[in-house]
Amino acid sequence: MGTSLGFGGTAVNADNIKVCARCGLRYDWRKSASSTLKMTYCGSLCEKADLGFTIDALIHVERGERPIVKLPEADDDQKEPVAPVV
């Protein structure tokens, strides 16, 4: 067990204090607003600023349907395959 630190009249275990990888702020990782990277970032704003996205948003993203691309008919004269234009 780590030492107990007092912040604002409450005891906080020093083992629970982490330093944010983005802003350098010390925070209690159990109270981090970052839903998935609590041990790395103090909040979702630092997570998004550092990564460009939040892991939570990435998990919940829905992919749209991709259009079906028809390939051109192959000619006998054509020796190399033609890549579809996307």
Protein backbone atom coordinates (compact mmCIF):
# COMPACT_ATOMS: atom_id res chain seq x y z
CA MET A 1 0.00 0.00 0.00
CA GLY A 2 1.18 3.50 -0.75
CA THR A 3 1.17 6.46 1.54
CA SER A 4 -2.00 8.39 2.16
CA LEU A 5 -2.08 11.97 0.88
CA GLY A 6 -4.61 14.55 2.00
CA PHE A 7 -6.27 16.71 -0.64
CA GLY A 8 -9.10 18.91 0.51
CA GLY A 9 -9.75 16.92 3.67
CA THR A 10 -9.93 13.52 1.97
CA ALA A 11 -7.32 10.79 2.06
CA VAL A 12 -5.96 9.69 -1.32
CA ASN A 13 -3.68 6.70 -1.79
CA ALA A 14 -0.47 7.74 -3.59
CA ASP A 15 -0.61 4.55 -5.70
CA ASN A 16 -3.75 5.93 -7.38
CA ILE A 17 -2.10 9.18 -8.48
CA LYS A 18 -0.95 9.23 -12.10
CA VAL A 19 0.50 11.95 -14.33
CA CYS A 20 -1.41 12.77 -17.52
CA ALA A 21 0.59 11.89 -20.66
CA ARG A 22 -0.73 15.00 -22.43
CA CYS A 23 -0.82 17.88 -19.93
CA GLY A 24 1.32 16.58 -17.05
CA LEU A 25 -1.46 17.12 -14.48
CA ARG A 26 -1.48 14.79 -11.47
CA TYR A 27 -4.83 13.04 -11.08
CA ASP A 28 -6.48 10.12 -9.32
CA TRP A 29 -6.89 7.61 -12.19
CA ARG A 30 -10.06 6.15 -10.61
CA LYS A 31 -11.79 9.51 -11.11
CA SER A 32 -10.51 10.16 -14.63
CA ALA A 33 -13.11 11.33 -17.14
CA SER A 34 -11.40 9.28 -19.85
CA SER A 35 -13.57 6.19 -20.14
CA THR A 36 -10.97 3.79 -21.56
CA LEU A 37 -7.49 5.21 -20.99
CA LYS A 38 -7.84 6.18 -17.33
CA MET A 39 -4.24 5.25 -16.50
CA THR A 40 -2.87 7.49 -19.30
CA TYR A 41 -5.00 10.64 -19.58
CA CYS A 42 -6.68 12.82 -16.95
CA GLY A 43 -9.74 13.26 -19.15
CA SER A 44 -11.29 12.72 -22.55
CA LEU A 45 -10.12 16.15 -23.78
CA CYS A 46 -6.46 15.22 -23.26
CA GLU A 47 -7.12 11.81 -24.82
CA LYS A 48 -8.65 13.41 -27.92
CA ALA A 49 -5.99 16.13 -28.14
CA ASP A 50 -3.17 13.56 -27.99
CA LEU A 51 -4.67 10.84 -30.22
CA GLY A 52 -6.96 12.90 -32.45
CA PHE A 53 -9.93 10.81 -31.32
CA THR A 54 -11.21 9.06 -28.21
CA ILE A 55 -11.13 5.28 -27.91
CA ASP A 56 -14.76 5.37 -26.78
CA ALA A 57 -15.78 7.15 -30.01
CA LEU A 58 -13.76 4.66 -32.05
CA ILE A 59 -15.49 1.72 -30.38
CA HIS A 60 -18.95 3.17 -31.05
CA VAL A 61 -18.40 4.27 -34.66
CA GLU A 62 -20.67 2.62 -37.20
CA ARG A 63 -19.35 1.92 -40.66
CA GLY A 64 -21.56 2.85 -43.54
CA GLU A 65 -22.20 0.52 -46.44
CA ARG A 66 -19.57 0.58 -49.13
CA PRO A 67 -20.79 0.92 -52.71
CA ILE A 68 -20.47 -2.07 -55.00
CA VAL A 69 -18.05 -1.31 -57.82
CA LYS A 70 -18.55 -3.08 -61.11
CA LEU A 71 -15.40 -4.18 -62.85
CA PRO A 72 -15.06 -3.58 -66.58
CA GLU A 73 -15.41 -6.52 -68.89
CA ALA A 74 -12.02 -8.07 -69.67
CA ASP A 75 -10.96 -8.00 -73.33
CA ASP A 76 -8.84 -10.72 -74.84
CA ASP A 77 -6.34 -8.02 -75.91
CA GLN A 78 -5.92 -6.83 -72.35
CA LYS A 79 -3.11 -8.71 -70.60
CA GLU A 80 -3.01 -6.84 -67.26
CA PRO A 81 -5.96 -6.66 -64.86
CA VAL A 82 -7.63 -3.29 -64.44
CA ALA A 83 -8.05 -1.95 -60.92
CA PRO A 84 -11.50 -0.55 -60.13
CA VAL A 85 -11.83 3.20 -59.75
CA VAL A 86 -13.06 3.98 -56.25
